[in-house]
Amino acid sequence: MIEERQGSLTLLILVLALAMVSNLVQYFVAGGGFAGMSGVVYGLLSYIALRGKLDRRCGLFFAALDGGDDGHLVLCMSRRILGSAIITAHIVGLVMGTIWGFFSSLRHR
């Protein structure tokens, strides 16, 4: 959706920035031994949600939210359920996407 409505370059910049920041913070907090794109996914979802809500003309939207991403975040935060689940990258991606969506919507008002 981001690529179609805002271009490949915008998506590339978002993915690379989200990946670098969320994984670097994760590394400094918990050390190595992790892999994945969850920080990027949380960042992209929060970017779409906030940018679409604040700037209706941008064309970004969620057709439906089922709470699955929030439920996953809660499960990851519970170390008793998932053992040594790592949450830092999730939270950093979520916060970064939200901030990016907010400031992007201000530029296009």
PDB file of N, CA and C in Angstrom:
ATOM      1  N   MET A   1       0.820  -1.182   0.000  1.00  0.00           N
ATOM      2  CA  MET A   1       0.000   0.000   0.000  1.00  0.00           C
ATOM      3  C   MET A   1       0.874   1.259   0.000  1.00  0.00           C
ATOM      4  N   ILE A   2       1.912   1.248   0.802  1.00  0.00           N
ATOM      5  CA  ILE A   2       2.805   2.409   0.862  1.00  0.00           C
ATOM      6  C   ILE A   2       3.486   2.605  -0.488  1.00  0.00           C
ATOM      7  N   GLU A   3       3.997   1.536  -1.053  1.00  0.00           N
ATOM      8  CA  GLU A   3       4.700   1.636  -2.332  1.00  0.00           C
ATOM      9  C   GLU A   3       3.770   2.124  -3.433  1.00  0.00           C
ATOM     10  N   GLU A   4       2.566   1.606  -3.474  1.00  0.00           N
ATOM     11  CA  GLU A   4       1.610   1.975  -4.513  1.00  0.00           C
ATOM     12  C   GLU A   4       1.201   3.439  -4.424  1.00  0.00           C
ATOM     13  N   ARG A   5       1.022   3.948  -3.216  1.00  0.00           N
ATOM     14  CA  ARG A   5       0.493   5.301  -3.051  1.00  0.00           C
ATOM     15  C   ARG A   5       1.564   6.375  -2.824  1.00  0.00           C
ATOM     16  N   GLN A   6       2.743   5.952  -2.310  1.00  0.00           N
ATOM     17  CA  GLN A   6       3.764   6.951  -1.994  1.00  0.00           C
ATOM     18  C   GLN A   6       5.090   6.689  -2.686  1.00  0.00           C
ATOM     19  N   GLY A   7       5.195   5.578  -3.395  1.00  0.00           N
ATOM     20  CA  GLY A   7       6.388   5.308  -4.188  1.00  0.00           C
ATOM     21  C   GLY A   7       7.348   4.324  -3.543  1.00  0.00           C
ATOM     22  N   SER A   8       8.149   3.713  -4.407  1.00  0.00           N
ATOM     23  CA  SER A   8       9.133   2.715  -3.965  1.00  0.00           C
ATOM     24  C   SER A   8      10.197   3.318  -3.068  1.00  0.00           C
ATOM     25  N   LEU A   9      10.619   4.527  -3.375  1.00  0.00           N
ATOM     26  CA  LEU A   9      11.666   5.163  -2.579  1.00  0.00           C
ATOM     27  C   LEU A   9      11.194   5.408  -1.144  1.00  0.00           C
ATOM     28  N   THR A  10       9.970   5.854  -0.981  1.00  0.00           N
ATOM     29  CA  THR A  10       9.433   6.077   0.363  1.00  0.00           C
ATOM     30  C   THR A  10       9.413   4.775   1.151  1.00  0.00           C
ATOM     31  N   LEU A  11       8.932   3.691   0.522  1.00  0.00           N
ATOM     32  CA  LEU A  11       8.903   2.398   1.200  1.00  0.00           C
ATOM     33  C   LEU A  11      10.307   1.922   1.541  1.00  0.00           C
ATOM     34  N   LEU A  12      11.234   2.063   0.616  1.00  0.00           N
ATOM     35  CA  LEU A  12      12.618   1.639   0.859  1.00  0.00           C
ATOM     36  C   LEU A  12      13.227   2.392   2.037  1.00  0.00           C
ATOM     37  N   ILE A  13      13.038   3.687   2.073  1.00  0.00           N
ATOM     38  CA  ILE A  13      13.582   4.504   3.167  1.00  0.00           C
ATOM     39  C   ILE A  13      12.955   4.095   4.502  1.00  0.00           C
ATOM     40  N   LEU A  14      11.646   3.907   4.505  1.00  0.00           N
ATOM     41  CA  LEU A  14      10.970   3.474   5.734  1.00  0.00           C
ATOM     42  C   LEU A  14      11.502   2.130   6.219  1.00  0.00           C
ATOM     43  N   VAL A  15      11.577   1.154   5.322  1.00  0.00           N
ATOM     44  CA  VAL A  15      12.022  -0.185   5.716  1.00  0.00           C
ATOM     45  C   VAL A  15      13.451  -0.156   6.228  1.00  0.00           C
ATOM     46  N   LEU A  16      14.343   0.508   5.509  1.00  0.00           N
ATOM     47  CA  LEU A  16      15.741   0.552   5.938  1.00  0.00           C
ATOM     48  C   LEU A  16      15.915   1.277   7.268  1.00  0.00           C
ATOM     49  N   ALA A  17      15.241   2.407   7.435  1.00  0.00           N
ATOM     50  CA  ALA A  17      15.356   3.166   8.687  1.00  0.00           C
ATOM     51  C   ALA A  17      14.776   2.371   9.856  1.00  0.00           C
ATOM     52  N   LEU A  18      13.607   1.787   9.662  1.00  0.00           N
ATOM     53  CA  LEU A  18      12.996   0.987  10.723  1.00  0.00           C
ATOM     54  C   LEU A  18      13.862  -0.203  11.087  1.00  0.00           C
ATOM     55  N   ALA A  19      14.410  -0.882  10.085  1.00  0.00           N
ATOM     56  CA  ALA A  19      15.254  -2.051  10.337  1.00  0.00           C
ATOM     57  C   ALA A  19      16.524  -1.667  11.092  1.00  0.00           C
ATOM     58  N   MET A  20      17.187  -0.615  10.630  1.00  0.00           N
ATOM     59  CA  MET A  20      18.446  -0.219  11.271  1.00  0.00           C
ATOM     60  C   MET A  20      18.240   0.199  12.716  1.00  0.00           C
ATOM     61  N   VAL A  21      17.273   1.076  12.943  1.00  0.00           N
ATOM     62  CA  VAL A  21      17.083   1.609  14.296  1.00  0.00           C
ATOM     63  C   VAL A  21      16.559   0.534  15.246  1.00  0.00           C
ATOM     64  N   SER A  22      15.525  -0.201  14.852  1.00  0.00           N
ATOM     65  CA  SER A  22      14.959  -1.188  15.771  1.00  0.00           C
ATOM     66  C   SER A  22      15.952  -2.313  16.084  1.00  0.00           C
ATOM     67  N   ASN A  23      16.726  -2.732  15.096  1.00  0.00           N
ATOM     68  CA  ASN A  23      17.698  -3.795  15.343  1.00  0.00           C
ATOM     69  C   ASN A  23      18.913  -3.308  16.123  1.00  0.00           C
ATOM     70  N   LEU A  24      19.347  -2.083  15.889  1.00  0.00           N
ATOM     71  CA  LEU A  24      20.462  -1.536  16.685  1.00  0.00           C
ATOM     72  C   LEU A  24      20.071  -1.388  18.150  1.00  0.00           C
ATOM     73  N   VAL A  25      18.893  -0.846  18.402  1.00  0.00           N
ATOM     74  CA  VAL A  25      18.442  -0.705  19.789  1.00  0.00           C
ATOM     75  C   VAL A  25      18.297  -2.080  20.425  1.00  0.00           C
ATOM     76  N   GLN A  26      17.719  -3.034  19.679  1.00  0.00           N
ATOM     77  CA  GLN A  26      17.591  -4.399  20.189  1.00  0.00           C
ATOM     78  C   GLN A  26      18.956  -4.975  20.545  1.00  0.00           C
ATOM     79  N   TYR A  27      19.936  -4.757  19.691  1.00  0.00           N
ATOM     80  CA  TYR A  27      21.289  -5.266  19.937  1.00  0.00           C
ATOM     81  C   TYR A  27      21.888  -4.662  21.207  1.00  0.00           C
ATOM     82  N   PHE A  28      21.740  -3.342  21.382  1.00  0.00           N
ATOM     83  CA  PHE A  28      22.315  -2.694  22.557  1.00  0.00           C
ATOM     84  C   PHE A  28      21.596  -3.081  23.848  1.00  0.00           C
ATOM     85  N   VAL A  29      20.306  -3.391  23.753  1.00  0.00           N
ATOM     86  CA  VAL A  29      19.545  -3.769  24.944  1.00  0.00           C
ATOM     87  C   VAL A  29      19.774  -5.225  25.320  1.00  0.00           C
ATOM     88  N   ALA A  30      19.749  -6.130  24.323  1.00  0.00           N
ATOM     89  CA  ALA A  30      19.762  -7.556  24.637  1.00  0.00           C
ATOM     90  C   ALA A  30      20.936  -8.321  24.040  1.00  0.00           C
ATOM     91  N   GLY A  31      21.796  -7.659  23.310  1.00  0.00           N
ATOM     92  CA  GLY A  31      22.896  -8.368  22.674  1.00  0.00           C
ATOM     93  C   GLY A  31      22.461  -9.044  21.384  1.00  0.00           C
ATOM     94  N   GLY A  32      23.342  -9.857  20.835  1.00  0.00           N
ATOM     95  CA  GLY A  32      23.062 -10.526  19.567  1.00  0.00           C
ATOM     96  C   GLY A  32      22.140 -11.715  19.742  1.00  0.00           C
ATOM     97  N   GLY A  33      22.077 -12.515  18.705  1.00  0.00           N
ATOM     98  CA  GLY A  33      21.269 -13.726  18.782  1.00  0.00           C
ATOM     99  C   GLY A  33      19.815 -13.538  18.444  1.00  0.00           C
ATOM    100  N   PHE A  34      19.487 -12.599  17.605  1.00  0.00           N
ATOM    101  CA  PHE A  34      18.113 -12.401  17.188  1.00  0.00           C
ATOM    102  C   PHE A  34      18.099 -12.153  15.684  1.00  0.00           C
ATOM    103  N   ALA A  35      16.965 -12.390  15.091  1.00  0.00           N
ATOM    104  CA  ALA A  35      16.793 -12.148  13.660  1.00  0.00           C
ATOM    105  C   ALA A  35      15.317 -11.931  13.388  1.00  0.00           C
ATOM    106  N   GLY A  36      15.023 -11.167  12.363  1.00  0.00           N
ATOM    107  CA  GLY A  36      13.629 -10.975  12.004  1.00  0.00           C
ATOM    108  C   GLY A  36      13.333  -9.574  11.534  1.00  0.00           C
ATOM    109  N   MET A  37      12.114  -9.401  11.134  1.00  0.00           N
ATOM    110  CA  MET A  37      11.651  -8.125  10.597  1.00  0.00           C
ATOM    111  C   MET A  37      10.509  -7.551  11.428  1.00  0.00           C
ATOM    112  N   SER A  38      10.333  -8.025  12.638  1.00  0.00           N
ATOM    113  CA  SER A  38       9.174  -7.607  13.418  1.00  0.00           C
ATOM    114  C   SER A  38       9.175  -6.113  13.728  1.00  0.00           C
ATOM    115  N   GLY A  39      10.323  -5.525  13.968  1.00  0.00           N
ATOM    116  CA  GLY A  39      10.380  -4.083  14.202  1.00  0.00           C
ATOM    117  C   GLY A  39       9.925  -3.315  12.974  1.00  0.00           C
ATOM    118  N   VAL A  40      10.290  -3.803  11.806  1.00  0.00           N
ATOM    119  CA  VAL A  40       9.870  -3.172  10.552  1.00  0.00           C
ATOM    120  C   VAL A  40       8.366  -3.317  10.369  1.00  0.00           C
ATOM    121  N   VAL A  41       7.848  -4.516  10.620  1.00  0.00           N
ATOM    122  CA  VAL A  41       6.406  -4.753  10.447  1.00  0.00           C
ATOM    123  C   VAL A  41       5.603  -3.862  11.391  1.00  0.00           C
ATOM    124  N   TYR A  42       5.985  -3.822  12.665  1.00  0.00           N
ATOM    125  CA  TYR A  42       5.280  -2.954  13.610  1.00  0.00           C
ATOM    126  C   TYR A  42       5.392  -1.489  13.199  1.00  0.00           C
ATOM    127  N   GLY A  43       6.560  -1.092  12.716  1.00  0.00           N
ATOM    128  CA  GLY A  43       6.742   0.288  12.275  1.00  0.00           C
ATOM    129  C   GLY A  43       5.880   0.638  11.075  1.00  0.00           C
ATOM    130  N   LEU A  44       5.823  -0.255  10.085  1.00  0.00           N
ATOM    131  CA  LEU A  44       5.001   0.006   8.903  1.00  0.00           C
ATOM    132  C   LEU A  44       3.518   0.056   9.254  1.00  0.00           C
ATOM    133  N   LEU A  45       3.078  -0.858  10.114  1.00  0.00           N
ATOM    134  CA  LEU A  45       1.671  -0.855  10.516  1.00  0.00           C
ATOM    135  C   LEU A  45       1.297   0.421  11.270  1.00  0.00           C
ATOM    136  N   SER A  46       2.152   0.844  12.175  1.00  0.00           N
ATOM    137  CA  SER A  46       1.832   2.058  12.931  1.00  0.00           C
ATOM    138  C   SER A  46       1.928   3.298  12.044  1.00  0.00           C
ATOM    139  N   TYR A  47       2.847   3.296  11.079  1.00  0.00           N
ATOM    140  CA  TYR A  47       2.939   4.402  10.116  1.00  0.00           C
ATOM    141  C   TYR A  47       1.646   4.509   9.315  1.00  0.00           C
ATOM    142  N   ILE A  48       1.202   3.375   8.763  1.00  0.00           N
ATOM    143  CA  ILE A  48      -0.030   3.368   7.967  1.00  0.00           C
ATOM    144  C   ILE A  48      -1.219   3.822   8.811  1.00  0.00           C
ATOM    145  N   ALA A  49      -1.322   3.305  10.026  1.00  0.00           N
ATOM    146  CA  ALA A  49      -2.461   3.632  10.883  1.00  0.00           C
ATOM    147  C   ALA A  49      -2.529   5.122  11.190  1.00  0.00           C
ATOM    148  N   LEU A  50      -1.428   5.696  11.631  1.00  0.00           N
ATOM    149  CA  LEU A  50      -1.471   7.105  12.033  1.00  0.00           C
ATOM    150  C   LEU A  50      -1.487   8.043  10.835  1.00  0.00           C
ATOM    151  N   ARG A  51      -0.668   7.771   9.853  1.00  0.00           N
ATOM    152  CA  ARG A  51      -0.641   8.633   8.664  1.00  0.00           C
ATOM    153  C   ARG A  51      -2.008   8.633   7.984  1.00  0.00           C
ATOM    154  N   GLY A  52      -2.614   7.456   7.847  1.00  0.00           N
ATOM    155  CA  GLY A  52      -3.930   7.373   7.227  1.00  0.00           C
ATOM    156  C   GLY A  52      -5.013   8.066   8.027  1.00  0.00           C
ATOM    157  N   LYS A  53      -4.903   8.028   9.338  1.00  0.00           N
ATOM    158  CA  LYS A  53      -5.908   8.677  10.184  1.00  0.00           C
ATOM    159  C   LYS A  53      -5.780  10.199  10.153  1.00  0.00           C
ATOM    160  N   LEU A  54      -4.552  10.697  10.163  1.00  0.00           N
ATOM    161  CA  LEU A  54      -4.328  12.146  10.220  1.00  0.00           C
ATOM    162  C   LEU A  54      -4.346  12.821   8.850  1.00  0.00           C
ATOM    163  N   ASP A  55      -4.070  12.070   7.796  1.00  0.00           N
ATOM    164  CA  ASP A  55      -4.018  12.625   6.440  1.00  0.00           C
ATOM    165  C   ASP A  55      -4.831  11.724   5.515  1.00  0.00           C
ATOM    166  N   ARG A  56      -6.125  11.938   5.476  1.00  0.00           N
ATOM    167  CA  ARG A  56      -7.033  11.079   4.700  1.00  0.00           C
ATOM    168  C   ARG A  56      -6.706  11.085   3.205  1.00  0.00           C
ATOM    169  N   ARG A  57      -6.094  12.142   2.718  1.00  0.00           N
ATOM    170  CA  ARG A  57      -5.779  12.230   1.286  1.00  0.00           C
ATOM    171  C   ARG A  57      -4.608  11.346   0.876  1.00  0.00           C
ATOM    172  N   CYS A  58      -3.834  10.828   1.809  1.00  0.00           N
ATOM    173  CA  CYS A  58      -2.653  10.035   1.463  1.00  0.00           C
ATOM    174  C   CYS A  58      -3.017   8.658   0.914  1.00  0.00           C
ATOM    175  N   GLY A  59      -4.224   8.187   1.172  1.00  0.00           N
ATOM    176  CA  GLY A  59      -4.673   6.912   0.640  1.00  0.00           C
ATOM    177  C   GLY A  59      -4.269   5.700   1.448  1.00  0.00           C
ATOM    178  N   LEU A  60      -3.675   5.895   2.609  1.00  0.00           N
ATOM    179  CA  LEU A  60      -3.306   4.767   3.469  1.00  0.00           C
ATOM    180  C   LEU A  60      -4.434   4.509   4.449  1.00  0.00           C
ATOM    181  N   PHE A  61      -4.760   3.241   4.660  1.00  0.00           N
ATOM    182  CA  PHE A  61      -5.848   2.898   5.559  1.00  0.00           C
ATOM    183  C   PHE A  61      -5.768   1.420   5.917  1.00  0.00           C
ATOM    184  N   PHE A  62      -6.436   1.060   6.980  1.00  0.00           N
ATOM    185  CA  PHE A  62      -6.634  -0.338   7.339  1.00  0.00           C
ATOM    186  C   PHE A  62      -8.075  -0.672   7.011  1.00  0.00           C
ATOM    187  N   ALA A  63      -8.289  -1.735   6.259  1.00  0.00           N
ATOM    188  CA  ALA A  63      -9.652  -2.171   5.968  1.00  0.00           C
ATOM    189  C   ALA A  63     -10.314  -2.668   7.247  1.00  0.00           C
ATOM    190  N   ALA A  64      -9.541  -3.334   8.075  1.00  0.00           N
ATOM    191  CA  ALA A  64     -10.063  -3.834   9.347  1.00  0.00           C
ATOM    192  C   ALA A  64      -8.887  -4.077  10.280  1.00  0.00           C
ATOM    193  N   LEU A  65      -9.111  -3.812  11.527  1.00  0.00           N
ATOM    194  CA  LEU A  65      -8.112  -4.131  12.548  1.00  0.00           C
ATOM    195  C   LEU A  65      -8.725  -5.168  13.467  1.00  0.00           C
ATOM    196  N   ASP A  66      -8.053  -6.287  13.624  1.00  0.00           N
ATOM    197  CA  ASP A  66      -8.592  -7.337  14.473  1.00  0.00           C
ATOM    198  C   ASP A  66      -7.904  -7.417  15.828  1.00  0.00           C
ATOM    199  N   GLY A  67      -6.931  -6.558  16.060  1.00  0.00           N
ATOM    200  CA  GLY A  67      -6.234  -6.576  17.339  1.00  0.00           C
ATOM    201  C   GLY A  67      -5.154  -7.632  17.418  1.00  0.00           C
ATOM    202  N   GLY A  68      -4.895  -8.334  16.338  1.00  0.00           N
ATOM    203  CA  GLY A  68      -3.895  -9.396  16.339  1.00  0.00           C
ATOM    204  C   GLY A  68      -2.502  -8.883  16.637  1.00  0.00           C
ATOM    205  N   ASP A  69      -2.161  -7.717  16.101  1.00  0.00           N
ATOM    206  CA  ASP A  69      -0.827  -7.176  16.354  1.00  0.00           C
ATOM    207  C   ASP A  69      -0.684  -6.752  17.809  1.00  0.00           C
ATOM    208  N   ASP A  70      -1.724  -6.184  18.386  1.00  0.00           N
ATOM    209  CA  ASP A  70      -1.674  -5.807  19.805  1.00  0.00           C
ATOM    210  C   ASP A  70      -1.592  -7.045  20.686  1.00  0.00           C
ATOM    211  N   GLY A  71      -2.356  -8.077  20.320  1.00  0.00           N
ATOM    212  CA  GLY A  71      -2.326  -9.329  21.078  1.00  0.00           C
ATOM    213  C   GLY A  71      -0.955  -9.966  21.038  1.00  0.00           C
ATOM    214  N   HIS A  72      -0.313  -9.917  19.876  1.00  0.00           N
ATOM    215  CA  HIS A  72       1.039 -10.462  19.741  1.00  0.00           C
ATOM    216  C   HIS A  72       2.012  -9.683  20.606  1.00  0.00           C
ATOM    217  N   LEU A  73       1.886  -8.364  20.620  1.00  0.00           N
ATOM    218  CA  LEU A  73       2.764  -7.538  21.439  1.00  0.00           C
ATOM    219  C   LEU A  73       2.601  -7.885  22.917  1.00  0.00           C
ATOM    220  N   VAL A  74       1.373  -8.065  23.374  1.00  0.00           N
ATOM    221  CA  VAL A  74       1.125  -8.428  24.774  1.00  0.00           C
ATOM    222  C   VAL A  74       1.726  -9.797  25.076  1.00  0.00           C
ATOM    223  N   LEU A  75       1.553 -10.759  24.170  1.00  0.00           N
ATOM    224  CA  LEU A  75       2.129 -12.085  24.378  1.00  0.00           C
ATOM    225  C   LEU A  75       3.649 -12.024  24.459  1.00  0.00           C
ATOM    226  N   CYS A  76       4.255 -11.227  23.578  1.00  0.00           N
ATOM    227  CA  CYS A  76       5.712 -11.110  23.591  1.00  0.00           C
ATOM    228  C   CYS A  76       6.212 -10.487  24.883  1.00  0.00           C
ATOM    229  N   MET A  77       5.424  -9.593  25.455  1.00  0.00           N
ATOM    230  CA  MET A  77       5.836  -8.944  26.685  1.00  0.00           C
ATOM    231  C   MET A  77       5.762  -9.896  27.882  1.00  0.00           C
ATOM    232  N   SER A  78       5.013 -10.974  27.738  1.00  0.00           N
ATOM    233  CA  SER A  78       4.875 -11.931  28.826  1.00  0.00           C
ATOM    234  C   SER A  78       5.925 -13.025  28.675  1.00  0.00           C
ATOM    235  N   ARG A  79       7.013 -12.894  29.345  1.00  0.00           N
ATOM    236  CA  ARG A  79       8.099 -13.875  29.242  1.00  0.00           C
ATOM    237  C   ARG A  79       7.696 -15.232  29.782  1.00  0.00           C
ATOM    238  N   ARG A  80       6.707 -15.264  30.647  1.00  0.00           N
ATOM    239  CA  ARG A  80       6.248 -16.552  31.184  1.00  0.00           C
ATOM    240  C   ARG A  80       5.595 -17.393  30.092  1.00  0.00           C
ATOM    241  N   ILE A  81       4.911 -16.736  29.167  1.00  0.00           N
ATOM    242  CA  ILE A  81       4.210 -17.468  28.108  1.00  0.00           C
ATOM    243  C   ILE A  81       5.169 -17.878  26.999  1.00  0.00           C
ATOM    244  N   LEU A  82       6.015 -16.961  26.564  1.00  0.00           N
ATOM    245  CA  LEU A  82       6.870 -17.224  25.415  1.00  0.00           C
ATOM    246  C   LEU A  82       8.343 -17.393  25.762  1.00  0.00           C
ATOM    247  N   GLY A  83       8.653 -17.574  27.007  1.00  0.00           N
ATOM    248  CA  GLY A  83      10.045 -17.774  27.384  1.00  0.00           C
ATOM    249  C   GLY A  83      10.846 -16.493  27.234  1.00  0.00           C
ATOM    250  N   SER A  84      11.899 -16.538  26.437  1.00  0.00           N
ATOM    251  CA  SER A  84      12.791 -15.380  26.309  1.00  0.00           C
ATOM    252  C   SER A  84      12.458 -14.539  25.076  1.00  0.00           C
ATOM    253  N   ALA A  85      11.188 -14.320  24.841  1.00  0.00           N
ATOM    254  CA  ALA A  85      10.774 -13.499  23.695  1.00  0.00           C
ATOM    255  C   ALA A  85      11.394 -12.106  23.798  1.00  0.00           C
ATOM    256  N   ILE A  86      11.793 -11.604  22.665  1.00  0.00           N
ATOM    257  CA  ILE A  86      12.449 -10.292  22.624  1.00  0.00           C
ATOM    258  C   ILE A  86      11.441  -9.256  22.148  1.00  0.00           C
ATOM    259  N   ILE A  87      11.295  -8.176  22.906  1.00  0.00           N
ATOM    260  CA  ILE A  87      10.248  -7.195  22.631  1.00  0.00           C
ATOM    261  C   ILE A  87      10.786  -5.839  22.195  1.00  0.00           C
ATOM    262  N   THR A  88      12.036  -5.548  22.444  1.00  0.00           N
ATOM    263  CA  THR A  88      12.574  -4.211  22.183  1.00  0.00           C
ATOM    264  C   THR A  88      12.384  -3.780  20.739  1.00  0.00           C
ATOM    265  N   ALA A  89      12.705  -4.623  19.779  1.00  0.00           N
ATOM    266  CA  ALA A  89      12.568  -4.256  18.366  1.00  0.00           C
ATOM    267  C   ALA A  89      11.115  -3.962  18.022  1.00  0.00           C
ATOM    268  N   HIS A  90      10.181  -4.705  18.609  1.00  0.00           N
ATOM    269  CA  HIS A  90       8.761  -4.458  18.359  1.00  0.00           C
ATOM    270  C   HIS A  90       8.376  -3.048  18.807  1.00  0.00           C
ATOM    271  N   ILE A  91       8.744  -2.719  20.014  1.00  0.00           N
ATOM    272  CA  ILE A  91       8.361  -1.430  20.587  1.00  0.00           C
ATOM    273  C   ILE A  91       9.037  -0.280  19.851  1.00  0.00           C
ATOM    274  N   VAL A  92      10.322  -0.423  19.546  1.00  0.00           N
ATOM    275  CA  VAL A  92      11.040   0.631  18.830  1.00  0.00           C
ATOM    276  C   VAL A  92      10.412   0.846  17.453  1.00  0.00           C
ATOM    277  N   GLY A  93      10.113  -0.219  16.741  1.00  0.00           N
ATOM    278  CA  GLY A  93       9.465  -0.092  15.432  1.00  0.00           C
ATOM    279  C   GLY A  93       8.119   0.586  15.538  1.00  0.00           C
ATOM    280  N   LEU A  94       7.327   0.178  16.522  1.00  0.00           N
ATOM    281  CA  LEU A  94       6.002   0.756  16.724  1.00  0.00           C
ATOM    282  C   LEU A  94       6.085   2.253  17.005  1.00  0.00           C
ATOM    283  N   VAL A  95       6.957   2.633  17.908  1.00  0.00           N
ATOM    284  CA  VAL A  95       7.107   4.049  18.264  1.00  0.00           C
ATOM    285  C   VAL A  95       7.652   4.851  17.082  1.00  0.00           C
ATOM    286  N   MET A  96       8.644   4.304  16.404  1.00  0.00           N
ATOM    287  CA  MET A  96       9.251   5.008  15.282  1.00  0.00           C
ATOM    288  C   MET A  96       8.252   5.201  14.128  1.00  0.00           C
ATOM    289  N   GLY A  97       7.473   4.175  13.822  1.00  0.00           N
ATOM    290  CA  GLY A  97       6.459   4.295  12.771  1.00  0.00           C
ATOM    291  C   GLY A  97       5.388   5.303  13.124  1.00  0.00           C
ATOM    292  N   THR A  98       5.007   5.331  14.389  1.00  0.00           N
ATOM    293  CA  THR A  98       4.003   6.293  14.842  1.00  0.00           C
ATOM    294  C   THR A  98       4.520   7.723  14.710  1.00  0.00           C
ATOM    295  N   ILE A  99       5.737   7.953  15.139  1.00  0.00           N
ATOM    296  CA  ILE A  99       6.330   9.292  15.040  1.00  0.00           C
ATOM    297  C   ILE A  99       6.477   9.700  13.579  1.00  0.00           C
ATOM    298  N   TRP A 100       6.947   8.775  12.747  1.00  0.00           N
ATOM    299  CA  TRP A 100       7.135   9.059  11.319  1.00  0.00           C
ATOM    300  C   TRP A 100       5.787   9.379  10.663  1.00  0.00           C
ATOM    301  N   GLY A 101       4.766   8.619  10.985  1.00  0.00           N
ATOM    302  CA  GLY A 101       3.433   8.863  10.437  1.00  0.00           C
ATOM    303  C   GLY A 101       2.887  10.216  10.856  1.00  0.00           C
ATOM    304  N   PHE A 102       3.122  10.579  12.111  1.00  0.00           N
ATOM    305  CA  PHE A 102       2.651  11.866  12.620  1.00  0.00           C
ATOM    306  C   PHE A 102       3.313  13.020  11.872  1.00  0.00           C
ATOM    307  N   PHE A 103       4.648  13.014  11.801  1.00  0.00           N
ATOM    308  CA  PHE A 103       5.342  14.120  11.153  1.00  0.00           C
ATOM    309  C   PHE A 103       5.118  14.148   9.648  1.00  0.00           C
ATOM    310  N   SER A 104       4.953  12.996   9.036  1.00  0.00           N
ATOM    311  CA  SER A 104       4.645  12.958   7.600  1.00  0.00           C
ATOM    312  C   SER A 104       3.278  13.564   7.322  1.00  0.00           C
ATOM    313  N   SER A 105       2.333  13.320   8.205  1.00  0.00           N
ATOM    314  CA  SER A 105       1.001  13.882   7.991  1.00  0.00           C
ATOM    315  C   SER A 105       1.011  15.396   8.166  1.00  0.00           C
ATOM    316  N   LEU A 106       1.860  15.920   9.022  1.00  0.00           N
ATOM    317  CA  LEU A 106       1.946  17.375   9.199  1.00  0.00           C
ATOM    318  C   LEU A 106       2.504  18.060   7.954  1.00  0.00           C
ATOM    319  N   ARG A 107       3.453  17.405   7.298  1.00  0.00           N
ATOM    320  CA  ARG A 107       4.068  17.998   6.098  1.00  0.00           C
ATOM    321  C   ARG A 107       3.082  18.088   4.942  1.00  0.00           C
ATOM    322  N   HIS A 108       2.070  17.253   4.940  1.00  0.00           N
ATOM    323  CA  HIS A 108       1.175  17.179   3.798  1.00  0.00           C
ATOM    324  C   HIS A 108      -0.207  17.759   4.078  1.00  0.00           C
ATOM    325  N   ARG A 109      -0.300  18.614   5.047  1.00  0.00           N
ATOM    326  CA  ARG A 109      -1.583  19.268   5.349  1.00  0.00           C
ATOM    327  C   ARG A 109      -1.684  20.575   4.618  1.00  0.00           C
TER     328      ARG A 109
END
